[in-house]
Amino acid sequence: MTDSKQHGPEAQSLEGRIFRPANPKELAEAVEQAFDYRGDITLALASGATIEGYLFNRTPTGSRPFLQMFPKGQSGERMIEYADIVSIAFSGKDTASGKSWESWVEKKESQRRVEAEQAAAEAKARGHL
């Protein structure tokens, strides 16, 4: 699979990357990444058409794997067969980029504060504080 950006430990978001899968396995992997992505993607199709939108479902098994997306600026959904996909660009803003680590740290700190307060209250109730 050809990726248009360098991979590195600091590069957590797929935003801005373009994948040009070389075989069905790579295509399936790229679709899975697109399914997990929290932004719009742009598909380049074998017909020469491009479709931008949000990927909300995929069926990677069966004789004709396909994905479903909500095309940007259109009502309804669209089904695209994997075989028609030439490339997948992560074109939309990743709405969770950079937030997951901070959110996790904030949540853990909050949980620790609550646990510490509960432990202090229990210790005080037993007369240890």
N, C-alpha and C. Protein backbone atom coordinates (compact mmCIF):
# COMPACT_ATOMS: atom_id res chain seq x y z
N MET A 1 0.87 -1.16 0.00
CA MET A 1 0.00 0.00 0.00
C MET A 1 0.91 1.22 0.00
N THR A 2 0.66 2.14 -0.88
CA THR A 2 1.44 3.36 -0.96
C THR A 2 0.78 4.43 -0.13
N ASP A 3 1.54 5.03 0.78
CA ASP A 3 1.03 6.06 1.67
C ASP A 3 1.79 7.34 1.32
N SER A 4 1.06 8.43 1.16
CA SER A 4 1.70 9.66 0.69
C SER A 4 2.42 10.43 1.79
N LYS A 5 2.35 9.99 3.02
CA LYS A 5 3.06 10.68 4.11
C LYS A 5 3.93 9.67 4.86
N GLN A 6 4.92 10.19 5.55
CA GLN A 6 5.80 9.35 6.35
C GLN A 6 5.08 8.91 7.62
N HIS A 7 5.38 7.69 8.03
CA HIS A 7 4.86 7.21 9.30
C HIS A 7 5.89 7.53 10.37
N GLY A 8 5.43 7.90 11.53
CA GLY A 8 6.34 8.16 12.63
C GLY A 8 5.58 8.10 13.93
N PRO A 9 6.30 8.03 15.05
CA PRO A 9 5.62 7.91 16.32
C PRO A 9 4.74 9.11 16.63
N GLU A 10 5.08 10.28 16.09
CA GLU A 10 4.29 11.47 16.37
C GLU A 10 3.06 11.57 15.47
N ALA A 11 3.02 10.78 14.41
CA ALA A 11 1.92 10.85 13.46
C ALA A 11 0.84 9.86 13.86
N GLN A 12 -0.13 10.32 14.62
CA GLN A 12 -1.19 9.44 15.08
C GLN A 12 -2.42 9.54 14.20
N SER A 13 -2.66 10.68 13.61
CA SER A 13 -3.84 10.87 12.79
C SER A 13 -3.55 10.50 11.34
N LEU A 14 -4.57 10.01 10.68
CA LEU A 14 -4.46 9.69 9.26
C LEU A 14 -4.79 10.89 8.39
N GLU A 15 -5.20 11.97 9.02
CA GLU A 15 -5.62 13.16 8.29
C GLU A 15 -4.57 13.59 7.27
N GLY A 16 -5.01 13.76 6.02
CA GLY A 16 -4.12 14.20 4.95
C GLY A 16 -3.43 13.08 4.19
N ARG A 17 -3.56 11.86 4.65
CA ARG A 17 -2.89 10.74 3.98
C ARG A 17 -3.73 10.19 2.84
N ILE A 18 -3.05 9.62 1.87
CA ILE A 18 -3.72 8.99 0.73
C ILE A 18 -3.15 7.58 0.61
N PHE A 19 -4.04 6.59 0.58
CA PHE A 19 -3.63 5.21 0.43
C PHE A 19 -4.05 4.71 -0.95
N ARG A 20 -3.08 4.12 -1.65
CA ARG A 20 -3.33 3.52 -2.95
C ARG A 20 -3.01 2.03 -2.83
N PRO A 21 -4.00 1.25 -2.38
CA PRO A 21 -3.75 -0.17 -2.13
C PRO A 21 -3.32 -0.91 -3.39
N ALA A 22 -2.37 -1.83 -3.22
CA ALA A 22 -1.83 -2.59 -4.34
C ALA A 22 -2.55 -3.93 -4.53
N ASN A 23 -3.33 -4.35 -3.53
CA ASN A 23 -4.03 -5.64 -3.64
C ASN A 23 -5.26 -5.62 -2.74
N PRO A 24 -6.11 -6.62 -2.84
CA PRO A 24 -7.34 -6.65 -2.05
C PRO A 24 -7.12 -6.61 -0.53
N LYS A 25 -6.05 -7.25 -0.07
CA LYS A 25 -5.76 -7.25 1.38
C LYS A 25 -5.45 -5.83 1.85
N GLU A 26 -4.61 -5.11 1.12
CA GLU A 26 -4.29 -3.73 1.48
C GLU A 26 -5.52 -2.84 1.41
N LEU A 27 -6.37 -3.09 0.42
CA LEU A 27 -7.61 -2.32 0.29
C LEU A 27 -8.49 -2.54 1.51
N ALA A 28 -8.64 -3.80 1.92
CA ALA A 28 -9.46 -4.12 3.09
C ALA A 28 -8.90 -3.43 4.34
N GLU A 29 -7.57 -3.40 4.49
CA GLU A 29 -6.94 -2.73 5.63
C GLU A 29 -7.21 -1.22 5.58
N ALA A 30 -7.10 -0.63 4.40
CA ALA A 30 -7.34 0.81 4.25
C ALA A 30 -8.80 1.15 4.55
N VAL A 31 -9.72 0.30 4.11
CA VAL A 31 -11.14 0.54 4.40
C VAL A 31 -11.38 0.46 5.90
N GLU A 32 -10.75 -0.49 6.58
CA GLU A 32 -10.91 -0.58 8.05
C GLU A 32 -10.41 0.69 8.73
N GLN A 33 -9.28 1.21 8.27
CA GLN A 33 -8.78 2.46 8.84
C GLN A 33 -9.74 3.60 8.56
N ALA A 34 -10.30 3.63 7.36
CA ALA A 34 -11.26 4.68 7.01
C ALA A 34 -12.53 4.56 7.83
N PHE A 35 -12.93 3.33 8.13
CA PHE A 35 -14.12 3.10 8.95
C PHE A 35 -13.91 3.65 10.37
N ASP A 36 -12.70 3.49 10.90
CA ASP A 36 -12.38 3.97 12.24
C ASP A 36 -12.09 5.47 12.29
N TYR A 37 -11.87 6.08 11.14
CA TYR A 37 -11.52 7.49 11.06
C TYR A 37 -12.72 8.36 11.45
N ARG A 38 -12.48 9.46 12.15
CA ARG A 38 -13.56 10.33 12.60
C ARG A 38 -13.66 11.58 11.75
N GLY A 39 -13.53 11.42 10.47
CA GLY A 39 -13.64 12.54 9.55
C GLY A 39 -14.03 12.04 8.17
N ASP A 40 -14.19 12.95 7.24
CA ASP A 40 -14.55 12.57 5.88
C ASP A 40 -13.36 11.96 5.16
N ILE A 41 -13.68 11.10 4.21
CA ILE A 41 -12.68 10.51 3.33
C ILE A 41 -13.08 10.83 1.89
N THR A 42 -12.12 10.72 0.98
CA THR A 42 -12.41 10.89 -0.44
C THR A 42 -11.94 9.63 -1.14
N LEU A 43 -12.87 9.01 -1.86
CA LEU A 43 -12.56 7.81 -2.63
C LEU A 43 -12.34 8.20 -4.08
N ALA A 44 -11.27 7.69 -4.67
CA ALA A 44 -11.06 7.79 -6.11
C ALA A 44 -11.49 6.44 -6.67
N LEU A 45 -12.37 6.48 -7.65
CA LEU A 45 -12.91 5.25 -8.21
C LEU A 45 -12.28 4.94 -9.57
N ALA A 46 -12.35 3.67 -9.96
CA ALA A 46 -11.80 3.23 -11.24
C ALA A 46 -12.44 3.97 -12.41
N SER A 47 -13.66 4.44 -12.24
CA SER A 47 -14.36 5.18 -13.30
C SER A 47 -13.80 6.58 -13.50
N GLY A 48 -12.95 7.03 -12.57
CA GLY A 48 -12.41 8.38 -12.61
C GLY A 48 -13.16 9.34 -11.70
N ALA A 49 -14.30 8.91 -11.18
CA ALA A 49 -15.09 9.75 -10.27
C ALA A 49 -14.45 9.77 -8.88
N THR A 50 -14.74 10.81 -8.13
CA THR A 50 -14.35 10.89 -6.73
C THR A 50 -15.59 11.13 -5.90
N ILE A 51 -15.58 10.57 -4.69
CA ILE A 51 -16.70 10.73 -3.77
C ILE A 51 -16.11 11.10 -2.41
N GLU A 52 -16.57 12.22 -1.87
CA GLU A 52 -16.15 12.64 -0.54
C GLU A 52 -17.32 12.45 0.41
N GLY A 53 -17.04 11.96 1.60
CA GLY A 53 -18.09 11.79 2.58
C GLY A 53 -17.62 11.00 3.78
N TYR A 54 -18.60 10.61 4.59
CA TYR A 54 -18.32 9.90 5.84
C TYR A 54 -18.65 8.43 5.68
N LEU A 55 -17.67 7.57 5.91
CA LEU A 55 -17.85 6.13 5.83
C LEU A 55 -18.48 5.64 7.13
N PHE A 56 -19.67 5.05 7.05
CA PHE A 56 -20.34 4.61 8.27
C PHE A 56 -20.54 3.11 8.37
N ASN A 57 -20.29 2.37 7.30
CA ASN A 57 -20.47 0.93 7.36
C ASN A 57 -19.64 0.28 6.26
N ARG A 58 -19.27 -0.98 6.49
CA ARG A 58 -18.57 -1.74 5.47
C ARG A 58 -18.89 -3.21 5.66
N THR A 59 -18.88 -3.94 4.55
CA THR A 59 -19.07 -5.39 4.55
C THR A 59 -17.89 -5.97 3.79
N PRO A 60 -16.83 -6.32 4.53
CA PRO A 60 -15.59 -6.76 3.88
C PRO A 60 -15.60 -8.20 3.40
N THR A 61 -16.63 -8.95 3.72
CA THR A 61 -16.68 -10.36 3.33
C THR A 61 -17.73 -10.58 2.26
N GLY A 62 -17.72 -11.75 1.70
CA GLY A 62 -18.68 -12.09 0.66
C GLY A 62 -18.05 -11.97 -0.72
N SER A 63 -18.83 -12.27 -1.73
CA SER A 63 -18.29 -12.27 -3.08
C SER A 63 -18.05 -10.85 -3.61
N ARG A 64 -18.78 -9.86 -3.08
CA ARG A 64 -18.62 -8.48 -3.54
C ARG A 64 -18.57 -7.53 -2.33
N PRO A 65 -17.41 -7.44 -1.65
CA PRO A 65 -17.30 -6.54 -0.49
C PRO A 65 -17.67 -5.11 -0.90
N PHE A 66 -18.31 -4.39 0.04
CA PHE A 66 -18.71 -3.02 -0.24
C PHE A 66 -18.66 -2.18 1.02
N LEU A 67 -18.71 -0.87 0.82
CA LEU A 67 -18.80 0.05 1.94
C LEU A 67 -19.99 0.97 1.70
N GLN A 68 -20.42 1.62 2.76
CA GLN A 68 -21.51 2.58 2.66
C GLN A 68 -21.04 3.89 3.27
N MET A 69 -21.41 4.98 2.60
CA MET A 69 -21.01 6.30 3.10
C MET A 69 -22.10 7.32 2.84
N PHE A 70 -22.03 8.39 3.61
CA PHE A 70 -22.90 9.54 3.40
C PHE A 70 -22.10 10.55 2.59
N PRO A 71 -22.40 10.70 1.29
CA PRO A 71 -21.66 11.66 0.47
C PRO A 71 -21.89 13.09 0.95
N LYS A 72 -20.81 13.85 0.98
CA LYS A 72 -20.88 15.25 1.41
C LYS A 72 -21.77 16.04 0.46
N GLY A 73 -22.68 16.83 1.04
CA GLY A 73 -23.55 17.68 0.25
C GLY A 73 -24.72 16.98 -0.40
N GLN A 74 -24.92 15.71 -0.08
CA GLN A 74 -26.03 14.96 -0.66
C GLN A 74 -26.84 14.31 0.46
N SER A 75 -28.10 14.08 0.18
CA SER A 75 -28.90 13.37 1.17
C SER A 75 -28.85 11.88 0.84
N GLY A 76 -29.01 11.09 1.86
CA GLY A 76 -28.99 9.64 1.66
C GLY A 76 -27.61 9.06 1.73
N GLU A 77 -27.54 7.79 1.44
CA GLU A 77 -26.28 7.06 1.52
C GLU A 77 -25.91 6.50 0.16
N ARG A 78 -24.67 6.07 0.05
CA ARG A 78 -24.20 5.49 -1.21
C ARG A 78 -23.40 4.23 -0.90
N MET A 79 -23.59 3.21 -1.72
CA MET A 79 -22.86 1.96 -1.59
C MET A 79 -21.79 1.91 -2.68
N ILE A 80 -20.56 1.56 -2.28
CA ILE A 80 -19.46 1.45 -3.24
C ILE A 80 -18.79 0.11 -3.03
N GLU A 81 -18.60 -0.62 -4.10
CA GLU A 81 -17.91 -1.90 -4.01
C GLU A 81 -16.41 -1.66 -3.86
N TYR A 82 -15.76 -2.49 -3.05
CA TYR A 82 -14.32 -2.39 -2.87
C TYR A 82 -13.60 -2.42 -4.21
N ALA A 83 -14.06 -3.28 -5.13
CA ALA A 83 -13.39 -3.45 -6.43
C ALA A 83 -13.35 -2.15 -7.24
N ASP A 84 -14.23 -1.20 -6.94
CA ASP A 84 -14.27 0.06 -7.67
C ASP A 84 -13.32 1.12 -7.11
N ILE A 85 -12.71 0.85 -5.95
CA ILE A 85 -11.89 1.85 -5.25
C ILE A 85 -10.43 1.77 -5.70
N VAL A 86 -9.89 2.92 -6.12
CA VAL A 86 -8.49 3.03 -6.53
C VAL A 86 -7.65 3.58 -5.37
N SER A 87 -8.19 4.59 -4.67
CA SER A 87 -7.45 5.17 -3.54
C SER A 87 -8.43 5.71 -2.51
N ILE A 88 -7.90 5.84 -1.29
CA ILE A 88 -8.67 6.40 -0.18
C ILE A 88 -7.84 7.53 0.41
N ALA A 89 -8.40 8.74 0.39
CA ALA A 89 -7.73 9.91 0.98
C ALA A 89 -8.47 10.28 2.25
N PHE A 90 -7.72 10.50 3.30
CA PHE A 90 -8.29 10.94 4.57
C PHE A 90 -8.32 12.46 4.51
N SER A 91 -9.35 12.97 3.85
CA SER A 91 -9.41 14.37 3.45
C SER A 91 -10.05 15.30 4.47
N GLY A 92 -10.94 14.79 5.29
CA GLY A 92 -11.62 15.64 6.27
C GLY A 92 -10.84 15.75 7.56
N LYS A 93 -11.18 16.72 8.34
CA LYS A 93 -10.53 16.92 9.64
C LYS A 93 -10.87 15.76 10.55
N ASP A 94 -9.85 15.19 11.18
CA ASP A 94 -10.05 14.12 12.16
C ASP A 94 -10.50 14.79 13.45
N THR A 95 -11.79 14.68 13.74
CA THR A 95 -12.36 15.40 14.88
C THR A 95 -11.81 14.96 16.23
N ALA A 96 -11.16 13.81 16.28
CA ALA A 96 -10.59 13.34 17.55
C ALA A 96 -9.08 13.49 17.60
N SER A 97 -8.48 14.03 16.55
CA SER A 97 -7.02 14.15 16.50
C SER A 97 -6.49 15.00 17.64
N GLY A 98 -5.52 14.41 18.35
CA GLY A 98 -4.87 15.13 19.43
C GLY A 98 -5.67 15.20 20.71
N LYS A 99 -6.89 14.72 20.69
CA LYS A 99 -7.72 14.82 21.88
C LYS A 99 -7.76 13.53 22.69
N SER A 100 -7.48 12.42 22.06
CA SER A 100 -7.66 11.16 22.76
C SER A 100 -6.73 11.02 23.96
N TRP A 101 -5.46 11.37 23.83
CA TRP A 101 -4.53 11.26 24.94
C TRP A 101 -4.91 12.21 26.06
N GLU A 102 -5.20 13.47 25.72
CA GLU A 102 -5.57 14.45 26.73
C GLU A 102 -6.86 14.04 27.43
N SER A 103 -7.81 13.53 26.68
CA SER A 103 -9.07 13.08 27.27
C SER A 103 -8.84 11.92 28.22
N TRP A 104 -7.98 10.98 27.82
CA TRP A 104 -7.70 9.83 28.66
C TRP A 104 -7.03 10.28 29.96
N VAL A 105 -6.03 11.16 29.86
CA VAL A 105 -5.33 11.65 31.05
C VAL A 105 -6.30 12.37 31.98
N GLU A 106 -7.14 13.22 31.41
CA GLU A 106 -8.12 13.96 32.21
C GLU A 106 -9.08 13.00 32.92
N LYS A 107 -9.54 12.00 32.20
CA LYS A 107 -10.46 11.02 32.78
C LYS A 107 -9.79 10.26 33.92
N LYS A 108 -8.55 9.80 33.70
CA LYS A 108 -7.83 9.05 34.73
C LYS A 108 -7.57 9.92 35.96
N GLU A 109 -7.18 11.17 35.76
CA GLU A 109 -6.94 12.06 36.90
C GLU A 109 -8.23 12.28 37.70
N SER A 110 -9.34 12.43 37.00
CA SER A 110 -10.62 12.60 37.65
C SER A 110 -10.99 11.35 38.46
N GLN A 111 -10.78 10.18 37.87
CA GLN A 111 -11.06 8.93 38.58
C GLN A 111 -10.19 8.80 39.81
N ARG A 112 -8.92 9.16 39.70
CA ARG A 112 -8.01 9.08 40.85
C ARG A 112 -8.43 10.02 41.96
N ARG A 113 -8.88 11.23 41.61
CA ARG A 113 -9.36 12.18 42.63
C ARG A 113 -10.56 11.62 43.37
N VAL A 114 -11.50 11.05 42.62
CA VAL A 114 -12.70 10.47 43.23
C VAL A 114 -12.32 9.32 44.15
N GLU A 115 -11.41 8.45 43.69
CA GLU A 115 -10.97 7.31 44.50
C GLU A 115 -10.26 7.79 45.77
N ALA A 116 -9.44 8.82 45.65
CA ALA A 116 -8.73 9.36 46.81
C ALA A 116 -9.72 9.96 47.81
N GLU A 117 -10.72 10.68 47.31
CA GLU A 117 -11.73 11.26 48.18
C GLU A 117 -12.53 10.17 48.89
N GLN A 118 -12.87 9.10 48.18
CA GLN A 118 -13.61 7.99 48.77
C GLN A 118 -12.76 7.29 49.83
N ALA A 119 -11.49 7.07 49.54
CA ALA A 119 -10.60 6.42 50.51
C ALA A 119 -10.45 7.29 51.74
N ALA A 120 -10.33 8.61 51.57
CA ALA A 120 -10.20 9.52 52.71
C ALA A 120 -11.48 9.52 53.54
N ALA A 121 -12.64 9.51 52.88
CA ALA A 121 -13.91 9.49 53.60
C ALA A 121 -14.06 8.19 54.40
N GLU A 122 -13.67 7.07 53.79
CA GLU A 122 -13.76 5.77 54.49
C GLU A 122 -12.80 5.75 55.68
N ALA A 123 -11.59 6.27 55.49
CA ALA A 123 -10.60 6.29 56.57
C ALA A 123 -11.09 7.18 57.71
N LYS A 124 -11.69 8.30 57.37
CA LYS A 124 -12.22 9.23 58.38
C LYS A 124 -13.37 8.57 59.14
N ALA A 125 -14.22 7.82 58.42
CA ALA A 125 -15.35 7.14 59.06
C ALA A 125 -14.87 6.07 60.02
N ARG A 126 -13.73 5.48 59.74
CA ARG A 126 -13.18 4.46 60.64
C ARG A 126 -12.34 5.08 61.75
N GLY A 127 -12.18 6.38 61.70
CA GLY A 127 -11.41 7.09 62.73
C GLY A 127 -9.92 7.07 62.51
N HIS A 128 -9.48 6.79 61.28
CA HIS A 128 -8.05 6.76 60.98
C HIS A 128 -7.50 8.12 60.60
N LEU A 129 -8.37 9.07 60.29
CA LEU A 129 -7.91 10.44 59.92
C LEU A 129 -8.49 11.43 60.86
